[in-house]
Amino acid sequence: MDYGIKDSIIAIVTTNRSMAGSPNSPVFYAENREEGERTALLIAKCTRGMVHDLLGGTYIIVRH
């Protein structure tokens, strides 16, 4: 099987409303960094994923 990074990204959480959605991963928009961090942690708990902070209010949840 051929796996790429897009196959491992579970979700994207961001405060940047101009970020376009992805057909492979849902994008969740947060009002501020605190809400974004909390949302990312909850999604990671539910999906057994890991949160990675990309700075600027954007988090990705991936499965390693």
C-alpha atoms as a PDB file:
ATOM      1  CA  MET A   1       0.000   0.000   0.000  1.00  0.00           C
ATOM      2  CA  ASP A   2       1.123   3.525  -0.725  1.00  0.00           C
ATOM      3  CA  TYR A   3       0.515   5.882   2.202  1.00  0.00           C
ATOM      4  CA  GLY A   4       1.219   9.588   2.122  1.00  0.00           C
ATOM      5  CA  ILE A   5       0.866  12.358   4.658  1.00  0.00           C
ATOM      6  CA  LYS A   6      -2.673  13.109   3.472  1.00  0.00           C
ATOM      7  CA  ASP A   7      -3.695   9.575   4.468  1.00  0.00           C
ATOM      8  CA  SER A   8      -2.497  10.206   8.018  1.00  0.00           C
ATOM      9  CA  ILE A   9      -4.129  13.606   8.635  1.00  0.00           C
ATOM     10  CA  ILE A  10      -7.339  13.105  10.589  1.00  0.00           C
ATOM     11  CA  ALA A  11      -8.381  16.771  10.896  1.00  0.00           C
ATOM     12  CA  ILE A  12      -7.177  20.357  10.740  1.00  0.00           C
ATOM     13  CA  VAL A  13      -8.125  22.921  13.388  1.00  0.00           C
ATOM     14  CA  THR A  14      -7.414  26.570  12.619  1.00  0.00           C
ATOM     15  CA  THR A  15      -8.293  30.150  13.492  1.00  0.00           C
ATOM     16  CA  ASN A  16      -7.604  31.154   9.877  1.00  0.00           C
ATOM     17  CA  ARG A  17     -11.016  31.446   8.204  1.00  0.00           C
ATOM     18  CA  SER A  18      -9.437  31.803   4.764  1.00  0.00           C
ATOM     19  CA  MET A  19      -7.981  28.286   4.911  1.00  0.00           C
ATOM     20  CA  ALA A  20      -9.688  26.160   2.287  1.00  0.00           C
ATOM     21  CA  GLY A  21     -11.224  22.829   3.174  1.00  0.00           C
ATOM     22  CA  SER A  22      -9.705  19.545   2.127  1.00  0.00           C
ATOM     23  CA  PRO A  23     -11.535  16.660   0.440  1.00  0.00           C
ATOM     24  CA  ASN A  24      -9.498  14.228   2.579  1.00  0.00           C
ATOM     25  CA  SER A  25      -9.539  15.912   6.000  1.00  0.00           C
ATOM     26  CA  PRO A  26     -12.175  18.041   7.691  1.00  0.00           C
ATOM     27  CA  VAL A  27     -11.255  21.586   8.724  1.00  0.00           C
ATOM     28  CA  PHE A  28     -12.602  22.931  12.021  1.00  0.00           C
ATOM     29  CA  TYR A  29     -12.568  26.694  12.547  1.00  0.00           C
ATOM     30  CA  ALA A  30     -11.945  28.085  16.038  1.00  0.00           C
ATOM     31  CA  GLU A  31     -12.587  31.612  17.317  1.00  0.00           C
ATOM     32  CA  ASN A  32      -9.218  31.849  19.110  1.00  0.00           C
ATOM     33  CA  ARG A  33      -6.078  29.833  19.926  1.00  0.00           C
ATOM     34  CA  GLU A  34      -7.467  28.507  23.203  1.00  0.00           C
ATOM     35  CA  GLU A  35     -10.595  27.163  21.528  1.00  0.00           C
ATOM     36  CA  GLY A  36      -8.484  25.707  18.717  1.00  0.00           C
ATOM     37  CA  GLU A  37      -6.172  23.934  21.109  1.00  0.00           C
ATOM     38  CA  ARG A  38      -9.074  22.521  23.124  1.00  0.00           C
ATOM     39  CA  THR A  39     -10.866  21.349  19.968  1.00  0.00           C
ATOM     40  CA  ALA A  40      -7.710  19.722  18.593  1.00  0.00           C
ATOM     41  CA  LEU A  41      -7.087  17.876  21.868  1.00  0.00           C
ATOM     42  CA  LEU A  42     -10.672  16.588  22.003  1.00  0.00           C
ATOM     43  CA  ILE A  43     -10.550  15.357  18.402  1.00  0.00           C
ATOM     44  CA  ALA A  44      -7.211  13.657  19.086  1.00  0.00           C
ATOM     45  CA  LYS A  45      -8.613  11.907  22.161  1.00  0.00           C
ATOM     46  CA  CYS A  46     -11.609  10.597  20.223  1.00  0.00           C
ATOM     47  CA  THR A  47      -9.571   9.408  17.246  1.00  0.00           C
ATOM     48  CA  ARG A  48      -6.379   8.280  19.030  1.00  0.00           C
ATOM     49  CA  GLY A  49      -4.445  10.869  17.069  1.00  0.00           C
ATOM     50  CA  MET A  50      -1.581  13.204  17.906  1.00  0.00           C
ATOM     51  CA  VAL A  51      -1.831  17.007  17.806  1.00  0.00           C
ATOM     52  CA  HIS A  52       0.875  18.989  16.043  1.00  0.00           C
ATOM     53  CA  ASP A  53       0.983  22.778  16.403  1.00  0.00           C
ATOM     54  CA  LEU A  54       1.846  24.443  13.087  1.00  0.00           C
ATOM     55  CA  LEU A  55       1.917  27.886  14.727  1.00  0.00           C
ATOM     56  CA  GLY A  56      -0.296  30.785  13.757  1.00  0.00           C
ATOM     57  CA  GLY A  57      -3.347  29.131  15.322  1.00  0.00           C
ATOM     58  CA  THR A  58      -3.313  25.993  13.152  1.00  0.00           C
ATOM     59  CA  TYR A  59      -3.190  22.426  14.469  1.00  0.00           C
ATOM     60  CA  ILE A  60      -3.226  19.141  12.596  1.00  0.00           C
ATOM     61  CA  ILE A  61      -4.303  15.865  14.110  1.00  0.00           C
ATOM     62  CA  VAL A  62      -2.471  12.905  12.595  1.00  0.00           C
ATOM     63  CA  ARG A  63      -2.319   9.177  13.097  1.00  0.00           C
ATOM     64  CA  HIS A  64       1.269   7.876  13.249  1.00  0.00           C
END
